[in-house]
N, C-alpha and C. Protein backbone atom coordinates (compact mmCIF):
# COMPACT_ATOMS: atom_id res chain seq x y z
N MET A 1 0.83 -1.13 0.03
CA MET A 1 0.00 0.02 -0.07
C MET A 1 0.93 1.24 0.01
N TYR A 2 0.37 2.23 -0.62
CA TYR A 2 1.20 3.51 -0.81
C TYR A 2 0.96 4.35 0.46
N GLU A 3 2.05 4.98 0.94
CA GLU A 3 1.93 5.83 2.07
C GLU A 3 1.46 7.34 1.65
N THR A 4 0.51 7.74 2.27
CA THR A 4 0.03 9.05 1.96
C THR A 4 -0.40 9.80 3.35
N LYS A 5 -0.41 11.07 3.18
CA LYS A 5 -0.76 11.89 4.43
C LYS A 5 -2.15 11.73 4.74
N GLU A 6 -3.16 11.55 3.90
CA GLU A 6 -4.44 11.38 4.06
C GLU A 6 -5.20 10.47 3.28
N LYS A 7 -6.12 9.81 3.71
CA LYS A 7 -7.00 8.81 2.87
C LYS A 7 -7.72 9.67 1.96
N LEU A 8 -7.80 9.22 0.69
CA LEU A 8 -8.56 9.89 -0.36
C LEU A 8 -10.03 9.43 -0.27
N VAL A 9 -10.90 10.44 -0.09
CA VAL A 9 -12.35 10.21 -0.01
C VAL A 9 -13.04 10.81 -1.31
N ILE A 10 -13.76 10.17 -2.10
CA ILE A 10 -14.49 10.68 -3.18
C ILE A 10 -15.86 11.00 -2.84
N LYS A 11 -16.25 12.24 -2.75
CA LYS A 11 -17.56 12.68 -2.31
C LYS A 11 -18.59 12.93 -3.38
N ASN A 12 -18.22 13.68 -4.45
CA ASN A 12 -19.21 13.97 -5.40
C ASN A 12 -18.55 14.06 -6.75
N ALA A 13 -18.42 12.92 -7.47
CA ALA A 13 -17.83 12.90 -8.68
C ALA A 13 -18.95 13.27 -9.81
N THR A 14 -18.46 14.18 -10.77
CA THR A 14 -19.38 14.67 -11.76
C THR A 14 -18.82 14.50 -13.12
N PHE A 15 -19.66 14.30 -14.15
CA PHE A 15 -19.31 14.41 -15.59
C PHE A 15 -18.99 15.83 -15.96
N ILE A 16 -17.93 16.07 -16.69
CA ILE A 16 -17.57 17.44 -17.22
C ILE A 16 -17.99 17.50 -18.63
N THR A 17 -17.31 16.73 -19.59
CA THR A 17 -17.57 16.96 -20.95
C THR A 17 -17.07 15.86 -21.75
N SER A 18 -17.33 15.60 -22.92
CA SER A 18 -16.75 14.75 -23.81
C SER A 18 -16.02 15.41 -24.96
N ALA A 19 -14.94 14.75 -25.41
CA ALA A 19 -14.13 15.39 -26.52
C ALA A 19 -13.88 14.39 -27.68
N ALA A 20 -14.13 14.73 -28.81
CA ALA A 20 -14.07 13.93 -30.06
C ALA A 20 -12.64 14.27 -30.70
N ARG A 21 -12.13 15.46 -30.51
CA ARG A 21 -11.07 15.85 -31.33
C ARG A 21 -9.99 16.53 -30.29
N SER A 22 -8.73 16.58 -30.74
CA SER A 22 -7.75 17.08 -29.75
C SER A 22 -7.99 18.55 -29.44
N GLU A 23 -8.55 19.32 -30.18
CA GLU A 23 -8.87 20.75 -29.88
C GLU A 23 -9.92 20.80 -28.78
N GLN A 24 -10.58 19.74 -28.55
CA GLN A 24 -11.62 19.63 -27.45
C GLN A 24 -11.06 19.13 -26.18
N PHE A 25 -9.94 18.69 -26.18
CA PHE A 25 -9.33 18.15 -24.89
C PHE A 25 -9.36 19.26 -23.94
N ILE A 26 -9.45 19.01 -22.67
CA ILE A 26 -9.31 20.07 -21.65
C ILE A 26 -7.93 20.14 -21.08
N THR A 27 -7.71 21.34 -20.51
CA THR A 27 -6.44 21.58 -19.77
C THR A 27 -6.81 21.58 -18.27
N PRO A 28 -6.56 20.60 -17.51
CA PRO A 28 -6.89 20.56 -16.13
C PRO A 28 -6.15 21.47 -15.21
N ASP A 29 -6.73 21.98 -14.12
CA ASP A 29 -5.96 22.81 -13.15
C ASP A 29 -5.67 21.92 -11.89
N LYS A 30 -5.82 20.63 -12.10
CA LYS A 30 -5.34 19.78 -10.95
C LYS A 30 -4.84 18.41 -11.67
N PRO A 31 -4.36 17.50 -10.82
CA PRO A 31 -3.85 16.24 -11.61
C PRO A 31 -4.97 15.58 -12.33
N MET A 32 -4.52 14.95 -13.48
CA MET A 32 -5.41 14.16 -14.31
C MET A 32 -4.98 12.82 -14.51
N ILE A 33 -5.82 11.99 -14.29
CA ILE A 33 -5.53 10.48 -14.35
C ILE A 33 -6.40 9.91 -15.55
N ALA A 34 -5.65 9.17 -16.39
CA ALA A 34 -6.27 8.56 -17.52
C ALA A 34 -6.65 7.13 -17.32
N VAL A 35 -7.76 6.66 -17.79
CA VAL A 35 -8.14 5.12 -17.77
C VAL A 35 -8.27 4.72 -19.12
N CYS A 36 -7.49 3.71 -19.36
CA CYS A 36 -7.59 3.03 -20.74
C CYS A 36 -7.61 1.52 -20.69
N GLY A 37 -8.05 0.87 -21.75
CA GLY A 37 -8.16 -0.49 -21.64
C GLY A 37 -8.96 -1.02 -22.86
N LYS A 38 -8.90 -2.42 -23.09
CA LYS A 38 -9.55 -3.02 -24.16
C LYS A 38 -11.05 -2.86 -23.99
N SER A 39 -11.77 -2.72 -25.16
CA SER A 39 -13.25 -2.81 -25.05
C SER A 39 -13.87 -3.83 -24.26
N ASN A 40 -14.70 -3.54 -23.37
CA ASN A 40 -15.45 -4.54 -22.57
C ASN A 40 -14.65 -4.99 -21.39
N VAL A 41 -13.64 -4.32 -21.14
CA VAL A 41 -12.70 -4.73 -19.97
C VAL A 41 -13.27 -4.40 -18.60
N GLY A 42 -14.30 -3.38 -18.65
CA GLY A 42 -14.93 -2.93 -17.46
C GLY A 42 -14.47 -1.58 -17.06
N LYS A 43 -14.22 -0.59 -17.95
CA LYS A 43 -13.65 0.64 -17.62
C LYS A 43 -14.80 1.42 -16.90
N SER A 44 -16.00 1.47 -17.52
CA SER A 44 -17.12 2.28 -16.96
C SER A 44 -17.41 1.79 -15.50
N SER A 45 -17.42 0.44 -15.30
CA SER A 45 -17.75 -0.18 -13.94
C SER A 45 -16.64 0.21 -12.93
N PHE A 46 -15.41 0.20 -13.46
CA PHE A 46 -14.23 0.64 -12.49
C PHE A 46 -14.45 2.10 -12.18
N ILE A 47 -14.71 2.99 -13.08
CA ILE A 47 -14.99 4.39 -12.75
C ILE A 47 -16.07 4.60 -11.85
N ASN A 48 -17.25 3.87 -12.07
CA ASN A 48 -18.33 3.99 -11.10
C ASN A 48 -17.96 3.45 -9.81
N MET A 49 -17.14 2.52 -9.65
CA MET A 49 -16.70 1.92 -8.35
C MET A 49 -15.93 3.07 -7.66
N LEU A 50 -15.05 3.70 -8.30
CA LEU A 50 -14.14 4.78 -7.63
C LEU A 50 -15.04 6.03 -7.27
N ALA A 51 -16.10 6.25 -7.93
CA ALA A 51 -17.08 7.35 -7.73
C ALA A 51 -18.05 7.03 -6.71
N ASN A 52 -18.23 5.72 -6.34
CA ASN A 52 -19.34 5.42 -5.41
C ASN A 52 -20.79 5.73 -6.11
N ARG A 53 -20.88 5.59 -7.43
CA ARG A 53 -22.07 5.90 -8.13
C ARG A 53 -22.28 4.69 -9.19
N LYS A 54 -23.50 4.32 -9.44
CA LYS A 54 -23.79 3.23 -10.36
C LYS A 54 -23.77 3.65 -11.79
N LYS A 55 -24.10 4.92 -12.01
CA LYS A 55 -24.35 5.40 -13.42
C LYS A 55 -23.61 6.65 -13.87
N LEU A 56 -22.53 6.94 -13.18
CA LEU A 56 -21.64 8.13 -13.56
C LEU A 56 -21.07 7.91 -14.97
N ALA A 57 -20.44 6.74 -15.08
CA ALA A 57 -19.93 6.38 -16.48
C ALA A 57 -20.92 5.41 -16.99
N LYS A 58 -21.42 5.59 -18.18
CA LYS A 58 -22.38 4.64 -18.72
C LYS A 58 -21.76 3.39 -19.19
N THR A 59 -22.36 2.23 -18.79
CA THR A 59 -21.89 0.96 -19.11
C THR A 59 -22.83 0.56 -20.37
N SER A 60 -22.29 -0.41 -21.18
CA SER A 60 -23.07 -0.93 -22.22
C SER A 60 -22.78 -2.33 -22.42
N SER A 61 -23.80 -3.10 -22.77
CA SER A 61 -23.67 -4.46 -23.20
C SER A 61 -22.94 -4.82 -24.47
N GLU A 62 -22.87 -3.78 -25.27
CA GLU A 62 -22.28 -3.83 -26.52
C GLU A 62 -20.94 -3.17 -26.48
N PRO A 63 -19.80 -3.94 -26.57
CA PRO A 63 -18.44 -3.41 -26.51
C PRO A 63 -18.25 -2.36 -27.53
N GLY A 64 -17.31 -1.39 -27.35
CA GLY A 64 -16.80 -0.52 -28.36
C GLY A 64 -17.72 0.74 -28.50
N ARG A 65 -18.58 0.98 -27.46
CA ARG A 65 -19.46 2.07 -27.65
C ARG A 65 -18.84 3.44 -27.21
N THR A 66 -17.81 3.43 -26.38
CA THR A 66 -17.17 4.61 -25.95
C THR A 66 -16.15 5.09 -27.05
N ARG A 67 -16.58 6.12 -27.76
CA ARG A 67 -15.76 6.68 -28.96
C ARG A 67 -15.16 7.94 -28.64
N LEU A 68 -15.42 8.49 -27.41
CA LEU A 68 -14.95 9.78 -27.04
C LEU A 68 -14.06 9.75 -25.89
N VAL A 69 -13.34 10.83 -25.64
CA VAL A 69 -12.67 10.97 -24.40
C VAL A 69 -13.68 11.66 -23.47
N ASN A 70 -14.07 11.00 -22.37
CA ASN A 70 -14.97 11.60 -21.40
C ASN A 70 -14.25 11.96 -20.09
N TYR A 71 -14.48 13.19 -19.70
CA TYR A 71 -13.81 13.75 -18.52
C TYR A 71 -14.75 13.84 -17.42
N PHE A 72 -14.14 13.55 -16.21
CA PHE A 72 -14.99 13.50 -14.89
C PHE A 72 -14.22 14.30 -13.87
N ASP A 73 -14.95 15.09 -13.10
CA ASP A 73 -14.35 15.85 -11.97
C ASP A 73 -14.57 14.94 -10.72
N PHE A 74 -13.48 14.46 -10.12
CA PHE A 74 -13.40 13.65 -8.93
C PHE A 74 -13.00 14.42 -7.77
N GLY A 75 -13.10 15.70 -7.75
CA GLY A 75 -12.71 16.63 -6.63
C GLY A 75 -11.13 16.88 -6.68
N PRO A 76 -10.37 16.02 -6.04
CA PRO A 76 -8.97 16.23 -6.01
C PRO A 76 -8.26 16.02 -7.30
N PHE A 77 -8.97 15.37 -8.26
CA PHE A 77 -8.41 15.09 -9.54
C PHE A 77 -9.39 15.06 -10.68
N ILE A 78 -8.84 15.02 -11.88
CA ILE A 78 -9.71 14.89 -13.11
C ILE A 78 -9.39 13.41 -13.59
N LEU A 79 -10.49 12.81 -14.01
CA LEU A 79 -10.35 11.39 -14.61
C LEU A 79 -10.80 11.49 -16.04
N ALA A 80 -9.90 10.96 -16.90
CA ALA A 80 -10.23 10.94 -18.34
C ALA A 80 -10.48 9.52 -18.67
N ASP A 81 -11.64 9.20 -19.21
CA ASP A 81 -11.99 7.93 -19.70
C ASP A 81 -11.77 7.83 -21.20
N LEU A 82 -10.84 6.95 -21.64
CA LEU A 82 -10.45 6.99 -23.05
C LEU A 82 -11.13 5.82 -23.83
N PRO A 83 -11.29 6.10 -25.11
CA PRO A 83 -11.94 5.00 -25.88
C PRO A 83 -11.27 3.66 -25.81
N GLY A 84 -12.15 2.65 -25.74
CA GLY A 84 -11.60 1.27 -25.68
C GLY A 84 -11.07 0.78 -26.98
N TYR A 85 -10.01 -0.01 -26.90
CA TYR A 85 -9.39 -0.53 -28.04
C TYR A 85 -9.54 -1.97 -28.23
N GLY A 86 -9.31 -2.33 -29.55
CA GLY A 86 -9.10 -3.82 -29.79
C GLY A 86 -10.53 -4.61 -29.97
N PHE A 87 -11.64 -3.80 -30.36
CA PHE A 87 -12.92 -4.47 -30.41
C PHE A 87 -12.91 -4.96 -31.93
N ALA A 88 -13.06 -6.27 -32.15
CA ALA A 88 -13.03 -6.93 -33.46
C ALA A 88 -14.08 -6.38 -34.48
N ARG A 89 -15.40 -6.31 -33.96
CA ARG A 89 -16.40 -5.91 -34.90
C ARG A 89 -16.58 -4.40 -35.35
N VAL A 90 -15.54 -3.71 -35.05
CA VAL A 90 -15.39 -2.28 -35.42
C VAL A 90 -14.73 -2.18 -36.72
N SER A 91 -15.18 -1.31 -37.56
CA SER A 91 -14.56 -1.15 -38.91
C SER A 91 -13.13 -0.71 -38.79
N LYS A 92 -12.33 -0.94 -39.83
CA LYS A 92 -10.84 -0.50 -39.72
C LYS A 92 -10.82 1.07 -39.61
N SER A 93 -11.61 1.73 -40.42
CA SER A 93 -11.57 3.24 -40.35
C SER A 93 -11.89 3.77 -39.01
N GLU A 94 -12.79 2.93 -38.22
CA GLU A 94 -13.23 3.42 -36.85
C GLU A 94 -11.89 3.14 -35.93
N LYS A 95 -11.36 2.01 -36.12
CA LYS A 95 -10.12 1.67 -35.42
C LYS A 95 -9.04 2.75 -35.49
N ILE A 96 -8.87 3.18 -36.72
CA ILE A 96 -7.85 4.10 -37.10
C ILE A 96 -8.17 5.46 -36.39
N LYS A 97 -9.48 5.75 -36.52
CA LYS A 97 -9.95 7.11 -35.75
C LYS A 97 -9.76 6.99 -34.27
N TRP A 98 -10.05 5.89 -33.60
CA TRP A 98 -9.78 5.74 -32.12
C TRP A 98 -8.29 5.78 -31.83
N ALA A 99 -7.47 5.17 -32.67
CA ALA A 99 -6.03 5.12 -32.45
C ALA A 99 -5.48 6.58 -32.50
N LYS A 100 -6.04 7.37 -33.48
CA LYS A 100 -5.57 8.78 -33.53
C LYS A 100 -5.94 9.59 -32.30
N THR A 101 -7.24 9.30 -31.79
CA THR A 101 -7.67 9.97 -30.61
C THR A 101 -6.72 9.63 -29.45
N LEU A 102 -6.55 8.35 -29.28
CA LEU A 102 -5.55 8.07 -28.23
C LEU A 102 -4.13 8.70 -28.27
N ASP A 103 -3.59 8.67 -29.55
CA ASP A 103 -2.25 9.16 -29.87
C ASP A 103 -2.30 10.67 -29.49
N SER A 104 -3.37 11.37 -29.93
CA SER A 104 -3.36 12.90 -29.72
C SER A 104 -3.45 13.13 -28.31
N PHE A 105 -4.21 12.33 -27.60
CA PHE A 105 -4.47 12.55 -26.04
C PHE A 105 -3.09 12.30 -25.43
N PHE A 106 -2.36 11.20 -25.69
CA PHE A 106 -1.13 11.05 -24.90
C PHE A 106 0.11 11.85 -25.34
N LYS A 107 -0.02 12.39 -26.49
CA LYS A 107 1.08 13.38 -26.95
C LYS A 107 1.28 14.37 -26.03
N ASP A 108 0.17 15.04 -25.52
CA ASP A 108 0.33 16.14 -24.52
C ASP A 108 0.46 15.61 -23.11
N LYS A 109 1.52 14.79 -22.95
CA LYS A 109 1.75 14.09 -21.76
C LYS A 109 1.89 14.90 -20.45
N GLU A 110 2.26 16.13 -20.68
CA GLU A 110 2.50 17.04 -19.49
C GLU A 110 1.18 17.18 -18.69
N LYS A 111 0.01 17.00 -19.31
CA LYS A 111 -1.21 17.05 -18.66
C LYS A 111 -1.63 15.92 -17.83
N ILE A 112 -0.90 14.80 -18.19
CA ILE A 112 -1.24 13.54 -17.55
C ILE A 112 -0.40 13.07 -16.35
N SER A 113 -1.05 12.90 -15.22
CA SER A 113 -0.33 12.72 -13.96
C SER A 113 0.05 11.04 -13.85
N HIS A 114 -1.01 10.37 -14.36
CA HIS A 114 -0.94 8.84 -14.19
C HIS A 114 -1.91 8.28 -15.19
N VAL A 115 -1.60 7.03 -15.55
CA VAL A 115 -2.47 6.26 -16.36
C VAL A 115 -2.80 4.81 -15.74
N PHE A 116 -4.10 4.54 -15.63
CA PHE A 116 -4.49 3.16 -15.27
C PHE A 116 -4.78 2.46 -16.44
N MET A 117 -4.03 1.34 -16.80
CA MET A 117 -4.43 0.48 -17.87
C MET A 117 -5.02 -0.71 -17.48
N LEU A 118 -6.23 -0.83 -17.85
CA LEU A 118 -7.16 -1.96 -17.31
C LEU A 118 -6.94 -3.30 -18.17
N VAL A 119 -6.88 -4.45 -17.59
CA VAL A 119 -6.68 -5.70 -18.30
C VAL A 119 -7.49 -6.69 -17.41
N ASP A 120 -8.26 -7.49 -18.16
CA ASP A 120 -9.06 -8.60 -17.66
C ASP A 120 -8.24 -9.56 -16.80
N SER A 121 -8.58 -9.78 -15.62
CA SER A 121 -7.70 -10.61 -14.68
C SER A 121 -7.75 -12.07 -15.12
N ARG A 122 -8.92 -12.37 -15.79
CA ARG A 122 -9.09 -13.91 -16.13
C ARG A 122 -8.23 -14.40 -17.25
N HIS A 123 -7.85 -13.43 -18.07
CA HIS A 123 -7.19 -13.88 -19.31
C HIS A 123 -5.75 -13.30 -19.45
N ASP A 124 -5.04 -14.02 -20.32
CA ASP A 124 -3.66 -13.44 -20.72
C ASP A 124 -3.84 -12.10 -21.41
N PRO A 125 -2.92 -11.20 -21.26
CA PRO A 125 -2.89 -9.93 -21.99
C PRO A 125 -2.99 -10.19 -23.48
N THR A 126 -3.76 -9.36 -24.28
CA THR A 126 -3.93 -9.55 -25.67
C THR A 126 -2.80 -8.77 -26.29
N ALA A 127 -2.74 -8.92 -27.58
CA ALA A 127 -1.64 -8.15 -28.34
C ALA A 127 -1.91 -6.71 -28.37
N ASP A 128 -3.18 -6.25 -28.21
CA ASP A 128 -3.59 -4.95 -28.00
C ASP A 128 -3.06 -4.35 -26.70
N ASP A 129 -3.25 -5.11 -25.65
CA ASP A 129 -2.74 -4.79 -24.32
C ASP A 129 -1.36 -4.47 -24.37
N VAL A 130 -0.54 -5.49 -24.87
CA VAL A 130 0.95 -5.41 -24.98
C VAL A 130 1.31 -4.10 -25.84
N GLN A 131 0.64 -3.83 -26.86
CA GLN A 131 0.88 -2.58 -27.72
C GLN A 131 0.63 -1.47 -26.95
N MET A 132 -0.54 -1.37 -26.17
CA MET A 132 -0.80 -0.21 -25.26
C MET A 132 0.32 0.02 -24.30
N MET A 133 0.75 -1.09 -23.76
CA MET A 133 1.83 -0.80 -22.61
C MET A 133 3.02 -0.31 -23.20
N GLU A 134 3.38 -0.93 -24.42
CA GLU A 134 4.67 -0.46 -25.08
C GLU A 134 4.57 1.03 -25.40
N PHE A 135 3.28 1.54 -25.66
CA PHE A 135 3.02 2.91 -26.22
C PHE A 135 3.26 3.77 -24.91
N LEU A 136 2.78 3.29 -23.66
CA LEU A 136 2.92 4.13 -22.53
C LEU A 136 4.56 4.18 -22.10
N HIS A 137 5.24 3.13 -22.39
CA HIS A 137 6.68 3.04 -22.05
C HIS A 137 7.39 3.99 -23.04
N TYR A 138 7.00 4.11 -24.29
CA TYR A 138 7.63 4.85 -25.33
C TYR A 138 7.50 6.30 -24.93
N HIS A 139 6.27 6.69 -24.49
CA HIS A 139 6.00 8.12 -24.10
C HIS A 139 6.36 8.46 -22.69
N THR A 140 7.04 7.43 -21.97
CA THR A 140 7.52 7.57 -20.57
C THR A 140 6.33 8.11 -19.67
N LEU A 141 5.20 7.53 -19.90
CA LEU A 141 3.96 7.89 -19.06
C LEU A 141 4.02 6.90 -17.92
N PRO A 142 3.84 7.46 -16.59
CA PRO A 142 3.66 6.66 -15.45
C PRO A 142 2.36 5.92 -15.46
N PHE A 143 2.36 4.56 -15.21
CA PHE A 143 1.11 3.81 -15.31
C PHE A 143 1.10 2.63 -14.33
N THR A 144 -0.11 2.19 -14.02
CA THR A 144 -0.37 1.04 -13.20
C THR A 144 -1.41 0.28 -14.01
N VAL A 145 -1.07 -1.10 -13.97
CA VAL A 145 -1.97 -2.13 -14.64
C VAL A 145 -3.01 -2.51 -13.59
N VAL A 146 -4.31 -2.32 -13.95
CA VAL A 146 -5.42 -2.67 -13.09
C VAL A 146 -6.12 -3.93 -13.65
N LEU A 147 -6.15 -4.85 -12.87
CA LEU A 147 -6.79 -6.17 -13.24
C LEU A 147 -8.22 -6.10 -12.78
N THR A 148 -9.10 -6.24 -13.74
CA THR A 148 -10.50 -6.13 -13.55
C THR A 148 -11.18 -7.53 -13.39
N LYS A 149 -12.44 -7.52 -12.77
CA LYS A 149 -13.26 -8.71 -12.80
C LYS A 149 -12.69 -9.85 -12.03
N SER A 150 -11.93 -9.48 -10.90
CA SER A 150 -11.27 -10.49 -10.03
C SER A 150 -12.26 -11.33 -9.15
N ASP A 151 -13.51 -10.80 -9.09
CA ASP A 151 -14.45 -11.53 -8.31
C ASP A 151 -14.75 -12.88 -9.01
N LYS A 152 -14.45 -12.99 -10.16
CA LYS A 152 -14.65 -14.29 -11.03
C LYS A 152 -13.59 -15.33 -10.64
N LEU A 153 -12.57 -14.96 -9.77
CA LEU A 153 -11.42 -15.75 -9.51
C LEU A 153 -11.30 -15.93 -7.96
N SER A 154 -10.85 -17.06 -7.48
CA SER A 154 -10.63 -17.31 -6.08
C SER A 154 -9.34 -16.49 -5.72
N ARG A 155 -9.13 -16.38 -4.36
CA ARG A 155 -8.04 -15.57 -3.97
C ARG A 155 -6.76 -16.14 -4.42
N MET A 156 -6.56 -17.43 -4.42
CA MET A 156 -5.39 -18.07 -4.87
C MET A 156 -5.18 -17.88 -6.38
N LYS A 157 -6.28 -17.84 -7.13
CA LYS A 157 -6.19 -17.70 -8.58
C LYS A 157 -5.91 -16.21 -8.89
N ILE A 158 -6.22 -15.35 -7.99
CA ILE A 158 -6.03 -13.96 -8.35
C ILE A 158 -4.48 -13.81 -8.12
N LYS A 159 -3.93 -14.39 -7.20
CA LYS A 159 -2.45 -14.37 -6.98
C LYS A 159 -1.61 -14.99 -8.17
N GLU A 160 -2.13 -16.07 -8.66
CA GLU A 160 -1.54 -16.87 -9.79
C GLU A 160 -1.68 -16.00 -11.11
N HIS A 161 -2.82 -15.51 -11.33
CA HIS A 161 -3.01 -14.75 -12.54
C HIS A 161 -2.28 -13.33 -12.49
N THR A 162 -2.20 -12.69 -11.38
CA THR A 162 -1.44 -11.45 -11.21
C THR A 162 0.11 -11.77 -11.54
N LYS A 163 0.54 -12.80 -10.98
CA LYS A 163 2.06 -13.25 -11.25
C LYS A 163 2.18 -13.50 -12.70
N ALA A 164 1.21 -14.27 -13.30
CA ALA A 164 1.46 -14.71 -14.73
C ALA A 164 1.21 -13.50 -15.62
N ILE A 165 0.35 -12.52 -15.42
CA ILE A 165 0.08 -11.32 -16.21
C ILE A 165 1.28 -10.40 -16.17
N ALA A 166 1.83 -10.31 -14.88
CA ALA A 166 3.12 -9.46 -14.61
C ALA A 166 4.20 -9.97 -15.53
N ALA A 167 4.32 -11.24 -15.58
CA ALA A 167 5.39 -11.81 -16.28
C ALA A 167 5.23 -11.66 -17.78
N ASP A 168 3.96 -11.80 -18.22
CA ASP A 168 3.65 -11.61 -19.69
C ASP A 168 3.93 -10.01 -20.13
N LEU A 169 3.74 -9.17 -19.19
CA LEU A 169 3.93 -7.81 -19.47
C LEU A 169 5.36 -7.25 -19.13
N TYR A 170 6.18 -8.14 -18.55
CA TYR A 170 7.54 -7.74 -18.15
C TYR A 170 7.50 -6.69 -17.08
N LEU A 171 6.55 -6.92 -16.16
CA LEU A 171 6.39 -5.83 -15.03
C LEU A 171 6.57 -6.62 -13.67
N GLY A 172 6.91 -5.83 -12.59
CA GLY A 172 6.89 -6.38 -11.33
C GLY A 172 5.51 -6.59 -10.85
N GLU A 173 5.27 -7.48 -9.99
CA GLU A 173 3.83 -7.66 -9.44
C GLU A 173 3.31 -6.47 -8.67
N LYS A 174 4.16 -5.55 -8.17
CA LYS A 174 3.73 -4.41 -7.48
C LYS A 174 3.09 -3.37 -8.40
N ASN A 175 3.43 -3.52 -9.73
CA ASN A 175 2.81 -2.63 -10.78
C ASN A 175 1.49 -3.02 -11.11
N LEU A 176 0.89 -4.07 -10.63
CA LEU A 176 -0.48 -4.51 -10.90
C LEU A 176 -1.37 -4.43 -9.63
N ILE A 177 -2.56 -4.08 -9.81
CA ILE A 177 -3.60 -3.97 -8.62
C ILE A 177 -4.88 -4.85 -9.13
N ALA A 178 -5.11 -5.89 -8.47
CA ALA A 178 -6.40 -6.58 -8.87
C ALA A 178 -7.71 -5.90 -8.19
N THR A 179 -8.71 -5.88 -8.89
CA THR A 179 -9.94 -5.16 -8.51
C THR A 179 -11.17 -5.91 -8.99
N SER A 180 -12.21 -5.58 -8.30
CA SER A 180 -13.52 -5.99 -8.74
C SER A 180 -14.54 -4.92 -8.50
N SER A 181 -15.23 -4.45 -9.50
CA SER A 181 -16.32 -3.38 -9.29
C SER A 181 -17.49 -3.97 -8.65
N GLN A 182 -17.69 -5.27 -8.66
CA GLN A 182 -18.81 -5.90 -8.17
C GLN A 182 -18.74 -6.04 -6.52
N THR A 183 -17.47 -6.36 -6.03
CA THR A 183 -17.29 -6.43 -4.66
C THR A 183 -16.51 -5.24 -3.99
N GLY A 184 -15.88 -4.36 -4.83
CA GLY A 184 -15.06 -3.38 -4.32
C GLY A 184 -13.67 -3.81 -3.90
N TYR A 185 -13.38 -5.08 -4.30
CA TYR A 185 -12.09 -5.54 -3.98
C TYR A 185 -11.01 -4.70 -4.76
N GLY A 186 -9.88 -4.29 -3.96
CA GLY A 186 -8.84 -3.59 -4.55
C GLY A 186 -9.15 -1.98 -4.44
N LYS A 187 -10.25 -1.64 -4.16
CA LYS A 187 -10.63 -0.07 -4.32
C LYS A 187 -9.74 0.64 -3.45
N ASP A 188 -9.63 0.28 -2.25
CA ASP A 188 -8.68 0.99 -1.27
C ASP A 188 -7.34 1.23 -1.75
N GLU A 189 -6.82 0.07 -2.39
CA GLU A 189 -5.47 0.21 -3.00
C GLU A 189 -5.29 1.23 -4.19
N ILE A 190 -6.37 1.16 -4.94
CA ILE A 190 -6.47 2.15 -6.08
C ILE A 190 -6.54 3.59 -5.58
N LEU A 191 -7.26 3.76 -4.53
CA LEU A 191 -7.53 5.19 -3.95
C LEU A 191 -6.23 5.55 -3.26
N ALA A 192 -5.47 4.73 -2.65
CA ALA A 192 -4.17 5.06 -2.05
C ALA A 192 -3.08 5.36 -3.10
N LYS A 193 -3.23 4.64 -4.27
CA LYS A 193 -2.29 5.04 -5.44
C LYS A 193 -2.65 6.38 -5.85
N ILE A 194 -3.97 6.70 -6.22
CA ILE A 194 -4.26 8.03 -6.59
C ILE A 194 -3.86 9.08 -5.65
N ALA A 195 -4.02 8.86 -4.28
CA ALA A 195 -3.61 9.89 -3.33
C ALA A 195 -2.05 10.16 -3.41
N HIS A 196 -1.32 9.02 -3.69
CA HIS A 196 0.08 9.05 -3.72
C HIS A 196 0.39 9.86 -5.00
N VAL A 197 -0.23 9.68 -6.17
CA VAL A 197 -0.11 10.39 -7.35
C VAL A 197 -0.33 11.87 -7.14
N ILE A 198 -1.45 12.25 -6.50
CA ILE A 198 -1.70 13.60 -6.25
C ILE A 198 -0.75 14.36 -5.49
N GLU A 199 -0.25 13.59 -4.37
CA GLU A 199 0.75 14.16 -3.40
C GLU A 199 2.01 14.43 -4.25
N MET A 200 2.47 13.60 -5.08
CA MET A 200 3.68 13.74 -5.90
C MET A 200 3.53 14.92 -6.80
N ASP A 201 2.32 14.96 -7.60
CA ASP A 201 2.03 16.02 -8.44
C ASP A 201 2.12 17.32 -7.75
N ASN A 202 1.54 17.54 -6.55
CA ASN A 202 1.39 18.74 -5.82
C ASN A 202 2.87 19.10 -5.44
N GLN A 203 3.60 18.26 -5.16
CA GLN A 203 5.06 18.44 -4.63
C GLN A 203 5.98 18.97 -5.79
N VAL A 204 5.71 18.40 -6.98
CA VAL A 204 6.39 18.94 -8.29
C VAL A 204 5.87 20.40 -8.51
N GLN A 205 4.73 20.64 -8.33
CA GLN A 205 4.11 21.98 -8.73
C GLN A 205 4.75 22.90 -7.59
N GLU A 206 4.74 22.63 -6.36
CA GLU A 206 5.43 23.42 -5.27
C GLU A 206 6.77 23.73 -5.54
N ASP A 207 7.60 22.72 -6.05
CA ASP A 207 8.97 22.98 -6.32
C ASP A 207 9.13 23.98 -7.55
N LEU A 208 8.17 23.75 -8.45
CA LEU A 208 8.31 24.76 -9.62
C LEU A 208 8.01 26.12 -9.20
N ASP A 209 6.94 26.20 -8.40
CA ASP A 209 6.70 27.62 -7.83
C ASP A 209 7.73 28.29 -7.04
N ASP A 210 8.42 27.54 -6.34
CA ASP A 210 9.50 27.84 -5.55
C ASP A 210 10.66 28.38 -6.51
N GLU A 211 10.95 27.63 -7.56
CA GLU A 211 11.98 27.99 -8.53
C GLU A 211 11.62 29.28 -9.14
N ASN A 212 10.34 29.40 -9.54
CA ASN A 212 9.91 30.62 -10.21
C ASN A 212 9.94 31.90 -9.25
N ALA A 213 9.71 31.71 -8.02
CA ALA A 213 9.77 32.76 -7.12
C ALA A 213 11.10 33.23 -6.87
N GLU A 214 12.12 32.24 -6.87
CA GLU A 214 13.57 32.51 -6.84
C GLU A 214 14.09 33.25 -7.95
N ASP A 215 13.66 32.89 -9.16
CA ASP A 215 13.91 33.64 -10.38
C ASP A 215 13.53 35.04 -10.48
N ILE A 216 12.38 35.28 -9.94
CA ILE A 216 11.80 36.63 -9.94
C ILE A 216 12.55 37.45 -8.90
N GLU A 217 12.99 36.95 -7.77
CA GLU A 217 13.74 37.66 -6.77
C GLU A 217 15.10 38.02 -7.30
N GLU A 218 15.70 37.21 -8.11
CA GLU A 218 17.04 37.46 -8.70
C GLU A 218 16.95 38.50 -9.78
């Protein structure tokens, strides 16, 4: 668990806006955390779990419905829900469009404090998951792999799958957090991680402010 000064409590998360093009992306005045993952991995359910609300992010029985970047105000931070990738029944042109949206979003990485990359805990990472992780590495974006739907596994299987998925992605097991939107499993660990990210982000901002103040004095 991450050490933080205070436990993060989400009181009133709200929807801000949706963006279809890069010129519509928002510039946050507080830390922004992005959530990405394969279509139908459970992004909306994960967001609703963090928000303590059932319908903040709309879930759909039809994968591949999220085609926009959806922004939510979580109080201490902004959450950006990114279009799901890797849905087979989507046209090639639509996949290209989604890829461009993701690429444009991640290019402005100074706005992004952290990325939660969601992977289904029950299965091996897909080629799309591996490509997404390599993309995050390439852009040197800090990220955590969140394993979803772990309520479908026993505690022993969660440990086994976490170890196997970590090995598949060439990551240490501490870089993965198993969760379940149905039971709330892993939620406290996710909130602790977010609190840690916010503290680090605020510290960096304070250091920059101090440097700017010194420059002005000189």
